Amino acid sequence: DLTNMDKTVDPCVDFYKYSCGGWQKNNPIPPDQATWDVYAKLANEN
């Protein structure tokens, strides 16, 4: 998902932030969760 990325980050400096920076910005932790990630979001949809 291109919207999950943060292309302002150099992938050779922080590939995680490059790939996931947009996701982190757009997916704040829900109030009933301790951690919110791709797996948890899919589990919630399930």
ModelCIF file with pLDDT and N, C-alpha, C, O atoms, coordinates in Angstrom:
data_MODEL
#
_entry.id   MODEL 
#
_entity.id                         1 
_entity.type                       polymer 
_entity.pdbx_number_of_molecules   1 
#
_entity_poly.entity_id                      1 
_entity_poly.type                           'polypeptide(L)' 
_entity_poly.nstd_linkage                   no 
_entity_poly.nstd_monomer                   no 
_entity_poly.pdbx_seq_one_letter_code       DLTNMDKTVDPCVDFYKYSCGGWQKNNPIPPDQATWDVYAKLANEN 
_entity_poly.pdbx_seq_one_letter_code_can   DLTNMDKTVDPCVDFYKYSCGGWQKNNPIPPDQATWDVYAKLANEN 
_entity_poly.pdbx_strand_id                 A 
#
loop_
_entity_poly_seq.entity_id 
_entity_poly_seq.num 
_entity_poly_seq.mon_id 
_entity_poly_seq.hetero 
1 1  ASP n 
1 2  LEU n 
1 3  THR n 
1 4  ASN n 
1 5  MET n 
1 6  ASP n 
1 7  LYS n 
1 8  THR n 
1 9  VAL n 
1 10 ASP n 
1 11 PRO n 
1 12 CYS n 
1 13 VAL n 
1 14 ASP n 
1 15 PHE n 
1 16 TYR n 
1 17 LYS n 
1 18 TYR n 
1 19 SER n 
1 20 CYS n 
1 21 GLY n 
1 22 GLY n 
1 23 TRP n 
1 24 GLN n 
1 25 LYS n 
1 26 ASN n 
1 27 ASN n 
1 28 PRO n 
1 29 ILE n 
1 30 PRO n 
1 31 PRO n 
1 32 ASP n 
1 33 GLN n 
1 34 ALA n 
1 35 THR n 
1 36 TRP n 
1 37 ASP n 
1 38 VAL n 
1 39 TYR n 
1 40 ALA n 
1 41 LYS n 
1 42 LEU n 
1 43 ALA n 
1 44 ASN n 
1 45 GLU n 
1 46 ASN n 
#
_struct_asym.id          A 
_struct_asym.entity_id   1 
#
loop_
_ma_qa_metric.id 
_ma_qa_metric.mode 
_ma_qa_metric.name 
_ma_qa_metric.software_group_id 
_ma_qa_metric.type 
1 global pLDDT . pLDDT 
2 local  pLDDT . pLDDT 
#
_ma_qa_metric_global.metric_id      1 
_ma_qa_metric_global.metric_value   97.39 
_ma_qa_metric_global.model_id       1 
_ma_qa_metric_global.ordinal_id     1 
#
loop_
_ma_qa_metric_local.label_asym_id 
_ma_qa_metric_local.label_comp_id 
_ma_qa_metric_local.label_seq_id 
_ma_qa_metric_local.metric_id 
_ma_qa_metric_local.metric_value 
_ma_qa_metric_local.model_id 
_ma_qa_metric_local.ordinal_id 
A ASP 1  2 97.00 1 1  
A LEU 2  2 98.00 1 2  
A THR 3  2 98.00 1 3  
A ASN 4  2 98.00 1 4  
A MET 5  2 98.00 1 5  
A ASP 6  2 98.00 1 6  
A LYS 7  2 97.00 1 7  
A THR 8  2 98.00 1 8  
A VAL 9  2 98.00 1 9  
A ASP 10 2 98.00 1 10 
A PRO 11 2 98.00 1 11 
A CYS 12 2 98.00 1 12 
A VAL 13 2 98.00 1 13 
A ASP 14 2 98.00 1 14 
A PHE 15 2 98.00 1 15 
A TYR 16 2 98.00 1 16 
A LYS 17 2 98.00 1 17 
A TYR 18 2 98.00 1 18 
A SER 19 2 98.00 1 19 
A CYS 20 2 98.00 1 20 
A GLY 21 2 98.00 1 21 
A GLY 22 2 98.00 1 22 
A TRP 23 2 98.00 1 23 
A GLN 24 2 98.00 1 24 
A LYS 25 2 98.00 1 25 
A ASN 26 2 97.00 1 26 
A ASN 27 2 97.00 1 27 
A PRO 28 2 97.00 1 28 
A ILE 29 2 97.00 1 29 
A PRO 30 2 97.00 1 30 
A PRO 31 2 96.00 1 31 
A ASP 32 2 96.00 1 32 
A GLN 33 2 97.00 1 33 
A ALA 34 2 97.00 1 34 
A THR 35 2 97.00 1 35 
A TRP 36 2 98.00 1 36 
A ASP 37 2 97.00 1 37 
A VAL 38 2 97.00 1 38 
A TYR 39 2 97.00 1 39 
A ALA 40 2 97.00 1 40 
A LYS 41 2 97.00 1 41 
A LEU 42 2 97.00 1 42 
A ALA 43 2 96.00 1 43 
A ASN 44 2 96.00 1 44 
A GLU 45 2 96.00 1 45 
A ASN 46 2 96.00 1 46 
#
loop_
_atom_site.group_PDB 
_atom_site.id 
_atom_site.type_symbol 
_atom_site.label_atom_id 
_atom_site.label_alt_id 
_atom_site.label_comp_id 
_atom_site.label_asym_id 
_atom_site.label_entity_id 
_atom_site.label_seq_id 
_atom_site.pdbx_PDB_ins_code 
_atom_site.Cartn_x 
_atom_site.Cartn_y 
_atom_site.Cartn_z 
_atom_site.occupancy 
_atom_site.B_iso_or_equiv 
_atom_site.pdbx_formal_charge 
_atom_site.auth_seq_id 
_atom_site.auth_comp_id 
_atom_site.auth_asym_id 
_atom_site.auth_atom_id 
_atom_site.pdbx_PDB_model_num 
ATOM 1   N N  . ASP A 1 1  ? 0.847   -1.181  0.000  1.00 97.00 ? 1  ASP A N  1 
ATOM 2   C CA . ASP A 1 1  ? 0.000   0.000   0.000  1.00 97.00 ? 1  ASP A CA 1 
ATOM 3   C C  . ASP A 1 1  ? 0.888   1.238   0.000  1.00 97.00 ? 1  ASP A C  1 
ATOM 4   O O  . ASP A 1 1  ? 1.621   1.479   0.959  1.00 97.00 ? 1  ASP A O  1 
ATOM 5   N N  . LEU A 1 2  ? 0.824   2.023   -1.073 1.00 98.00 ? 2  LEU A N  1 
ATOM 6   C CA . LEU A 1 2  ? 1.689   3.201   -1.186 1.00 98.00 ? 2  LEU A CA 1 
ATOM 7   C C  . LEU A 1 2  ? 1.386   4.225   -0.101 1.00 98.00 ? 2  LEU A C  1 
ATOM 8   O O  . LEU A 1 2  ? 2.279   4.962   0.317  1.00 98.00 ? 2  LEU A O  1 
ATOM 9   N N  . THR A 1 3  ? 0.138   4.282   0.362  1.00 98.00 ? 3  THR A N  1 
ATOM 10  C CA . THR A 1 3  ? -0.203  5.263   1.400  1.00 98.00 ? 3  THR A CA 1 
ATOM 11  C C  . THR A 1 3  ? 0.421   4.911   2.743  1.00 98.00 ? 3  THR A C  1 
ATOM 12  O O  . THR A 1 3  ? 0.477   5.754   3.639  1.00 98.00 ? 3  THR A O  1 
ATOM 13  N N  . ASN A 1 4  ? 0.890   3.679   2.892  1.00 98.00 ? 4  ASN A N  1 
ATOM 14  C CA . ASN A 1 4  ? 1.550   3.277   4.140  1.00 98.00 ? 4  ASN A CA 1 
ATOM 15  C C  . ASN A 1 4  ? 2.982   3.780   4.227  1.00 98.00 ? 4  ASN A C  1 
ATOM 16  O O  . ASN A 1 4  ? 3.599   3.709   5.289  1.00 98.00 ? 4  ASN A O  1 
ATOM 17  N N  . MET A 1 5  ? 3.525   4.292   3.107  1.00 98.00 ? 5  MET A N  1 
ATOM 18  C CA . MET A 1 5  ? 4.933   4.640   3.039  1.00 98.00 ? 5  MET A CA 1 
ATOM 19  C C  . MET A 1 5  ? 5.174   6.101   3.429  1.00 98.00 ? 5  MET A C  1 
ATOM 20  O O  . MET A 1 5  ? 4.251   6.916   3.452  1.00 98.00 ? 5  MET A O  1 
ATOM 21  N N  . ASP A 1 6  ? 6.426   6.407   3.732  1.00 98.00 ? 6  ASP A N  1 
ATOM 22  C CA . ASP A 1 6  ? 6.884   7.784   3.913  1.00 98.00 ? 6  ASP A CA 1 
ATOM 23  C C  . ASP A 1 6  ? 8.117   7.954   3.027  1.00 98.00 ? 6  ASP A C  1 
ATOM 24  O O  . ASP A 1 6  ? 9.239   7.653   3.435  1.00 98.00 ? 6  ASP A O  1 
ATOM 25  N N  . LYS A 1 7  ? 7.889   8.438   1.815  1.00 97.00 ? 7  LYS A N  1 
ATOM 26  C CA . LYS A 1 7  ? 8.967   8.517   0.832  1.00 97.00 ? 7  LYS A CA 1 
ATOM 27  C C  . LYS A 1 7  ? 9.931   9.669   1.098  1.00 97.00 ? 7  LYS A C  1 
ATOM 28  O O  . LYS A 1 7  ? 10.909  9.841   0.371  1.00 97.00 ? 7  LYS A O  1 
ATOM 29  N N  . THR A 1 8  ? 9.659   10.459  2.141  1.00 98.00 ? 8  THR A N  1 
ATOM 30  C CA . THR A 1 8  ? 10.639  11.482  2.511  1.00 98.00 ? 8  THR A CA 1 
ATOM 31  C C  . THR A 1 8  ? 11.827  10.875  3.247  1.00 98.00 ? 8  THR A C  1 
ATOM 32  O O  . THR A 1 8  ? 12.862  11.521  3.412  1.00 98.00 ? 8  THR A O  1 
ATOM 33  N N  . VAL A 1 9  ? 11.671  9.632   3.687  1.00 98.00 ? 9  VAL A N  1 
ATOM 34  C CA . VAL A 1 9  ? 12.742  8.937   4.403  1.00 98.00 ? 9  VAL A CA 1 
ATOM 35  C C  . VAL A 1 9  ? 13.611  8.197   3.407  1.00 98.00 ? 9  VAL A C  1 
ATOM 36  O O  . VAL A 1 9  ? 13.102  7.603   2.456  1.00 98.00 ? 9  VAL A O  1 
ATOM 37  N N  . ASP A 1 10 ? 14.917  8.227   3.618  1.00 98.00 ? 10 ASP A N  1 
ATOM 38  C CA . ASP A 1 10 ? 15.865  7.493   2.774  1.00 98.00 ? 10 ASP A CA 1 
ATOM 39  C C  . ASP A 1 10 ? 15.785  6.011   3.140  1.00 98.00 ? 10 ASP A C  1 
ATOM 40  O O  . ASP A 1 10 ? 16.044  5.660   4.291  1.00 98.00 ? 10 ASP A O  1 
ATOM 41  N N  . PRO A 1 11 ? 15.433  5.126   2.195  1.00 98.00 ? 11 PRO A N  1 
ATOM 42  C CA . PRO A 1 11 ? 15.319  3.701   2.530  1.00 98.00 ? 11 PRO A CA 1 
ATOM 43  C C  . PRO A 1 11 ? 16.629  3.091   3.009  1.00 98.00 ? 11 PRO A C  1 
ATOM 44  O O  . PRO A 1 11 ? 16.615  2.065   3.689  1.00 98.00 ? 11 PRO A O  1 
ATOM 45  N N  . CYS A 1 12 ? 17.751  3.698   2.671  1.00 98.00 ? 12 CYS A N  1 
ATOM 46  C CA . CYS A 1 12 ? 19.045  3.176   3.122  1.00 98.00 ? 12 CYS A CA 1 
ATOM 47  C C  . CYS A 1 12 ? 19.416  3.660   4.515  1.00 98.00 ? 12 CYS A C  1 
ATOM 48  O O  . CYS A 1 12 ? 20.408  3.215   5.091  1.00 98.00 ? 12 CYS A O  1 
ATOM 49  N N  . VAL A 1 13 ? 18.611  4.578   5.054  1.00 98.00 ? 13 VAL A N  1 
ATOM 50  C CA . VAL A 1 13 ? 18.826  5.076   6.412  1.00 98.00 ? 13 VAL A CA 1 
ATOM 51  C C  . VAL A 1 13 ? 17.874  4.397   7.390  1.00 98.00 ? 13 VAL A C  1 
ATOM 52  O O  . VAL A 1 13 ? 18.291  3.978   8.470  1.00 98.00 ? 13 VAL A O  1 
ATOM 53  N N  . ASP A 1 14 ? 16.590  4.283   7.020  1.00 98.00 ? 14 ASP A N  1 
ATOM 54  C CA . ASP A 1 14 ? 15.592  3.653   7.891  1.00 98.00 ? 14 ASP A CA 1 
ATOM 55  C C  . ASP A 1 14 ? 14.513  3.055   7.001  1.00 98.00 ? 14 ASP A C  1 
ATOM 56  O O  . ASP A 1 14 ? 13.519  3.713   6.694  1.00 98.00 ? 14 ASP A O  1 
ATOM 57  N N  . PHE A 1 15 ? 14.708  1.821   6.591  1.00 98.00 ? 15 PHE A N  1 
ATOM 58  C CA . PHE A 1 15 ? 13.776  1.207   5.652  1.00 98.00 ? 15 PHE A CA 1 
ATOM 59  C C  . PHE A 1 15 ? 12.418  0.982   6.296  1.00 98.00 ? 15 PHE A C  1 
ATOM 60  O O  . PHE A 1 15 ? 11.393  1.036   5.616  1.00 98.00 ? 15 PHE A O  1 
ATOM 61  N N  . TYR A 1 16 ? 12.398  0.731   7.596  1.00 98.00 ? 16 TYR A N  1 
ATOM 62  C CA . TYR A 1 16 ? 11.125  0.534   8.285  1.00 98.00 ? 16 TYR A CA 1 
ATOM 63  C C  . TYR A 1 16 ? 10.283  1.805   8.205  1.00 98.00 ? 16 TYR A C  1 
ATOM 64  O O  . TYR A 1 16 ? 9.100   1.748   7.868  1.00 98.00 ? 16 TYR A O  1 
ATOM 65  N N  . LYS A 1 17 ? 10.880  2.934   8.510  1.00 98.00 ? 17 LYS A N  1 
ATOM 66  C CA . LYS A 1 17 ? 10.142  4.199   8.469  1.00 98.00 ? 17 LYS A CA 1 
ATOM 67  C C  . LYS A 1 17 ? 9.741   4.535   7.032  1.00 98.00 ? 17 LYS A C  1 
ATOM 68  O O  . LYS A 1 17 ? 8.660   5.076   6.798  1.00 98.00 ? 17 LYS A O  1 
ATOM 69  N N  . TYR A 1 18 ? 10.595  4.220   6.089  1.00 98.00 ? 18 TYR A N  1 
ATOM 70  C CA . TYR A 1 18 ? 10.292  4.439   4.671  1.00 98.00 ? 18 TYR A CA 1 
ATOM 71  C C  . TYR A 1 18 ? 9.059   3.641   4.256  1.00 98.00 ? 18 TYR A C  1 
ATOM 72  O O  . TYR A 1 18 ? 8.205   4.145   3.526  1.00 98.00 ? 18 TYR A O  1 
ATOM 73  N N  . SER A 1 19 ? 8.969   2.409   4.718  1.00 98.00 ? 19 SER A N  1 
ATOM 74  C CA . SER A 1 19 ? 7.866   1.526   4.316  1.00 98.00 ? 19 SER A CA 1 
ATOM 75  C C  . SER A 1 19 ? 6.607   1.738   5.146  1.00 98.00 ? 19 SER A C  1 
ATOM 76  O O  . SER A 1 19 ? 5.501   1.526   4.649  1.00 98.00 ? 19 SER A O  1 
ATOM 77  N N  . CYS A 1 20 ? 6.754   2.153   6.399  1.00 98.00 ? 20 CYS A N  1 
ATOM 78  C CA . CYS A 1 20 ? 5.637   2.161   7.346  1.00 98.00 ? 20 CYS A CA 1 
ATOM 79  C C  . CYS A 1 20 ? 5.306   3.531   7.926  1.00 98.00 ? 20 CYS A C  1 
ATOM 80  O O  . CYS A 1 20 ? 4.365   3.648   8.711  1.00 98.00 ? 20 CYS A O  1 
ATOM 81  N N  . GLY A 1 21 ? 6.052   4.567   7.562  1.00 98.00 ? 21 GLY A N  1 
ATOM 82  C CA . GLY A 1 21 ? 5.813   5.873   8.158  1.00 98.00 ? 21 GLY A CA 1 
ATOM 83  C C  . GLY A 1 21 ? 4.412   6.394   7.930  1.00 98.00 ? 21 GLY A C  1 
ATOM 84  O O  . GLY A 1 21 ? 3.821   6.991   8.829  1.00 98.00 ? 21 GLY A O  1 
ATOM 85  N N  . GLY A 1 22 ? 3.869   6.181   6.740  1.00 98.00 ? 22 GLY A N  1 
ATOM 86  C CA . GLY A 1 22 ? 2.499   6.607   6.457  1.00 98.00 ? 22 GLY A CA 1 
ATOM 87  C C  . GLY A 1 22 ? 1.489   5.823   7.264  1.00 98.00 ? 22 GLY A C  1 
ATOM 88  O O  . GLY A 1 22 ? 0.510   6.380   7.760  1.00 98.00 ? 22 GLY A O  1 
ATOM 89  N N  . TRP A 1 23 ? 1.727   4.522   7.394  1.00 98.00 ? 23 TRP A N  1 
ATOM 90  C CA . TRP A 1 23 ? 0.821   3.686   8.191  1.00 98.00 ? 23 TRP A CA 1 
ATOM 91  C C  . TRP A 1 23 ? 0.801   4.168   9.634  1.00 98.00 ? 23 TRP A C  1 
ATOM 92  O O  . TRP A 1 23 ? -0.267  4.295   10.233 1.00 98.00 ? 23 TRP A O  1 
ATOM 93  N N  . GLN A 1 24 ? 1.981   4.437   10.196 1.00 98.00 ? 24 GLN A N  1 
ATOM 94  C CA . GLN A 1 24 ? 2.043   4.890   11.587 1.00 98.00 ? 24 GLN A CA 1 
ATOM 95  C C  . GLN A 1 24 ? 1.287   6.204   11.777 1.00 98.00 ? 24 GLN A C  1 
ATOM 96  O O  . GLN A 1 24 ? 0.615   6.394   12.790 1.00 98.00 ? 24 GLN A O  1 
ATOM 97  N N  . LYS A 1 25 ? 1.395   7.101   10.812 1.00 98.00 ? 25 LYS A N  1 
ATOM 98  C CA . LYS A 1 25 ? 0.716   8.396   10.900 1.00 98.00 ? 25 LYS A CA 1 
ATOM 99  C C  . LYS A 1 25 ? -0.797  8.221   10.794 1.00 98.00 ? 25 LYS A C  1 
ATOM 100 O O  . LYS A 1 25 ? -1.550  8.909   11.483 1.00 98.00 ? 25 LYS A O  1 
ATOM 101 N N  . ASN A 1 26 ? -1.241  7.311   9.944  1.00 97.00 ? 26 ASN A N  1 
ATOM 102 C CA . ASN A 1 26 ? -2.666  7.171   9.645  1.00 97.00 ? 26 ASN A CA 1 
ATOM 103 C C  . ASN A 1 26 ? -3.386  6.163   10.530 1.00 97.00 ? 26 ASN A C  1 
ATOM 104 O O  . ASN A 1 26 ? -4.601  5.999   10.417 1.00 97.00 ? 26 ASN A O  1 
ATOM 105 N N  . ASN A 1 27 ? -2.658  5.491   11.404 1.00 97.00 ? 27 ASN A N  1 
ATOM 106 C CA . ASN A 1 27 ? -3.266  4.435   12.219 1.00 97.00 ? 27 ASN A CA 1 
ATOM 107 C C  . ASN A 1 27 ? -2.909  4.612   13.695 1.00 97.00 ? 27 ASN A C  1 
ATOM 108 O O  . ASN A 1 27 ? -2.127  3.831   14.237 1.00 97.00 ? 27 ASN A O  1 
ATOM 109 N N  . PRO A 1 28 ? -3.468  5.618   14.342 1.00 97.00 ? 28 PRO A N  1 
ATOM 110 C CA . PRO A 1 28 ? -3.229  5.782   15.781 1.00 97.00 ? 28 PRO A CA 1 
ATOM 111 C C  . PRO A 1 28 ? -3.770  4.583   16.557 1.00 97.00 ? 28 PRO A C  1 
ATOM 112 O O  . PRO A 1 28 ? -4.659  3.871   16.088 1.00 97.00 ? 28 PRO A O  1 
ATOM 113 N N  . ILE A 1 29 ? -3.225  4.379   17.734 1.00 97.00 ? 29 ILE A N  1 
ATOM 114 C CA . ILE A 1 29 ? -3.630  3.223   18.539 1.00 97.00 ? 29 ILE A CA 1 
ATOM 115 C C  . ILE A 1 29 ? -5.063  3.412   19.028 1.00 97.00 ? 29 ILE A C  1 
ATOM 116 O O  . ILE A 1 29 ? -5.344  4.413   19.686 1.00 97.00 ? 29 ILE A O  1 
ATOM 117 N N  . PRO A 1 30 ? -5.969  2.501   18.737 1.00 97.00 ? 30 PRO A N  1 
ATOM 118 C CA . PRO A 1 30 ? -7.330  2.603   19.280 1.00 97.00 ? 30 PRO A CA 1 
ATOM 119 C C  . PRO A 1 30 ? -7.305  2.572   20.805 1.00 97.00 ? 30 PRO A C  1 
ATOM 120 O O  . PRO A 1 30 ? -6.391  1.996   21.395 1.00 97.00 ? 30 PRO A O  1 
ATOM 121 N N  . PRO A 1 31 ? -8.287  3.180   21.440 1.00 96.00 ? 31 PRO A N  1 
ATOM 122 C CA . PRO A 1 31 ? -8.245  3.286   22.906 1.00 96.00 ? 31 PRO A CA 1 
ATOM 123 C C  . PRO A 1 31 ? -8.337  1.964   23.647 1.00 96.00 ? 31 PRO A C  1 
ATOM 124 O O  . PRO A 1 31 ? -8.003  1.906   24.831 1.00 96.00 ? 31 PRO A O  1 
ATOM 125 N N  . ASP A 1 32 ? -8.786  0.886   22.981 1.00 96.00 ? 32 ASP A N  1 
ATOM 126 C CA . ASP A 1 32 ? -8.874  -0.401  23.667 1.00 96.00 ? 32 ASP A CA 1 
ATOM 127 C C  . ASP A 1 32 ? -7.721  -1.328  23.316 1.00 96.00 ? 32 ASP A C  1 
ATOM 128 O O  . ASP A 1 32 ? -7.795  -2.533  23.560 1.00 96.00 ? 32 ASP A O  1 
ATOM 129 N N  . GLN A 1 33 ? -6.650  -0.771  22.743 1.00 97.00 ? 33 GLN A N  1 
ATOM 130 C CA . GLN A 1 33 ? -5.513  -1.585  22.319 1.00 97.00 ? 33 GLN A CA 1 
ATOM 131 C C  . GLN A 1 33 ? -4.226  -1.086  22.971 1.00 97.00 ? 33 GLN A C  1 
ATOM 132 O O  . GLN A 1 33 ? -4.075  0.110   23.220 1.00 97.00 ? 33 GLN A O  1 
ATOM 133 N N  . ALA A 1 34 ? -3.304  -2.000  23.246 1.00 97.00 ? 34 ALA A N  1 
ATOM 134 C CA . ALA A 1 34 ? -1.990  -1.634  23.765 1.00 97.00 ? 34 ALA A CA 1 
ATOM 135 C C  . ALA A 1 34 ? -1.020  -1.364  22.631 1.00 97.00 ? 34 ALA A C  1 
ATOM 136 O O  . ALA A 1 34 ? -0.172  -0.476  22.718 1.00 97.00 ? 34 ALA A O  1 
ATOM 137 N N  . THR A 1 35 ? -1.156  -2.139  21.570 1.00 97.00 ? 35 THR A N  1 
ATOM 138 C CA . THR A 1 35 ? -0.338  -1.998  20.368 1.00 97.00 ? 35 THR A CA 1 
ATOM 139 C C  . THR A 1 35 ? -1.274  -2.109  19.178 1.00 97.00 ? 35 THR A C  1 
ATOM 140 O O  . THR A 1 35 ? -2.247  -2.862  19.219 1.00 97.00 ? 35 THR A O  1 
ATOM 141 N N  . TRP A 1 36 ? -0.991  -1.376  18.131 1.00 98.00 ? 36 TRP A N  1 
ATOM 142 C CA . TRP A 1 36 ? -1.822  -1.430  16.931 1.00 98.00 ? 36 TRP A CA 1 
ATOM 143 C C  . TRP A 1 36 ? -0.896  -1.657  15.749 1.00 98.00 ? 36 TRP A C  1 
ATOM 144 O O  . TRP A 1 36 ? -0.036  -0.827  15.454 1.00 98.00 ? 36 TRP A O  1 
ATOM 145 N N  . ASP A 1 37 ? -1.075  -2.782  15.078 1.00 97.00 ? 37 ASP A N  1 
ATOM 146 C CA . ASP A 1 37 ? -0.219  -3.111  13.949 1.00 97.00 ? 37 ASP A CA 1 
ATOM 147 C C  . ASP A 1 37 ? -1.051  -3.770  12.860 1.00 97.00 ? 37 ASP A C  1 
ATOM 148 O O  . ASP A 1 37 ? -2.260  -3.943  13.010 1.00 97.00 ? 37 ASP A O  1 
ATOM 149 N N  . VAL A 1 38 ? -0.409  -4.129  11.784 1.00 97.00 ? 38 VAL A N  1 
ATOM 150 C CA . VAL A 1 38 ? -1.121  -4.714  10.646 1.00 97.00 ? 38 VAL A CA 1 
ATOM 151 C C  . VAL A 1 38 ? -1.817  -6.005  11.058 1.00 97.00 ? 38 VAL A C  1 
ATOM 152 O O  . VAL A 1 38 ? -2.959  -6.247  10.667 1.00 97.00 ? 38 VAL A O  1 
ATOM 153 N N  . TYR A 1 39 ? -1.146  -6.821  11.835 1.00 97.00 ? 39 TYR A N  1 
ATOM 154 C CA . TYR A 1 39 ? -1.743  -8.078  12.294 1.00 97.00 ? 39 TYR A CA 1 
ATOM 155 C C  . TYR A 1 39 ? -2.938  -7.812  13.212 1.00 97.00 ? 39 TYR A C  1 
ATOM 156 O O  . TYR A 1 39 ? -3.987  -8.441  13.073 1.00 97.00 ? 39 TYR A O  1 
ATOM 157 N N  . ALA A 1 40 ? -2.773  -6.882  14.145 1.00 97.00 ? 40 ALA A N  1 
ATOM 158 C CA . ALA A 1 40 ? -3.867  -6.571  15.065 1.00 97.00 ? 40 ALA A CA 1 
ATOM 159 C C  . ALA A 1 40 ? -5.060  -5.989  14.327 1.00 97.00 ? 40 ALA A C  1 
ATOM 160 O O  . ALA A 1 40 ? -6.207  -6.279  14.668 1.00 97.00 ? 40 ALA A O  1 
ATOM 161 N N  . LYS A 1 41 ? -4.798  -5.172  13.321 1.00 97.00 ? 41 LYS A N  1 
ATOM 162 C CA . LYS A 1 41 ? -5.888  -4.575  12.548 1.00 97.00 ? 41 LYS A CA 1 
ATOM 163 C C  . LYS A 1 41 ? -6.661  -5.656  11.788 1.00 97.00 ? 41 LYS A C  1 
ATOM 164 O O  . LYS A 1 41 ? -7.891  -5.622  11.738 1.00 97.00 ? 41 LYS A O  1 
ATOM 165 N N  . LEU A 1 42 ? -5.951  -6.600  11.204 1.00 97.00 ? 42 LEU A N  1 
ATOM 166 C CA . LEU A 1 42 ? -6.624  -7.703  10.519 1.00 97.00 ? 42 LEU A CA 1 
ATOM 167 C C  . LEU A 1 42 ? -7.384  -8.568  11.522 1.00 97.00 ? 42 LEU A C  1 
ATOM 168 O O  . LEU A 1 42 ? -8.499  -9.010  11.244 1.00 97.00 ? 42 LEU A O  1 
ATOM 169 N N  . ALA A 1 43 ? -6.778  -8.810  12.698 1.00 96.00 ? 43 ALA A N  1 
ATOM 170 C CA . ALA A 1 43 ? -7.473  -9.576  13.728 1.00 96.00 ? 43 ALA A CA 1 
ATOM 171 C C  . ALA A 1 43 ? -8.759  -8.882  14.144 1.00 96.00 ? 43 ALA A C  1 
ATOM 172 O O  . ALA A 1 43 ? -9.776  -9.534  14.379 1.00 96.00 ? 43 ALA A O  1 
ATOM 173 N N  . ASN A 1 44 ? -8.712  -7.557  14.236 1.00 96.00 ? 44 ASN A N  1 
ATOM 174 C CA . ASN A 1 44 ? -9.911  -6.799  14.590 1.00 96.00 ? 44 ASN A CA 1 
ATOM 175 C C  . ASN A 1 44 ? -10.987 -6.941  13.513 1.00 96.00 ? 44 ASN A C  1 
ATOM 176 O O  . ASN A 1 44 ? -12.170 -7.074  13.828 1.00 96.00 ? 44 ASN A O  1 
ATOM 177 N N  . GLU A 1 45 ? -10.575 -6.913  12.237 1.00 96.00 ? 45 GLU A N  1 
ATOM 178 C CA . GLU A 1 45 ? -11.531 -7.111  11.151 1.00 96.00 ? 45 GLU A CA 1 
ATOM 179 C C  . GLU A 1 45 ? -12.109 -8.519  11.186 1.00 96.00 ? 45 GLU A C  1 
ATOM 180 O O  . GLU A 1 45 ? -13.301 -8.704  10.940 1.00 96.00 ? 45 GLU A O  1 
ATOM 181 N N  . ASN A 1 46 ? -11.276 -9.518  11.491 1.00 96.00 ? 46 ASN A N  1 
ATOM 182 C CA . ASN A 1 46 ? -11.781 -10.881 11.642 1.00 96.00 ? 46 ASN A CA 1 
ATOM 183 C C  . ASN A 1 46 ? -12.831 -10.945 12.746 1.00 96.00 ? 46 ASN A C  1 
ATOM 184 O O  . ASN A 1 46 ? -13.374 -12.015 13.021 1.00 96.00 ? 46 ASN A O  1 
#
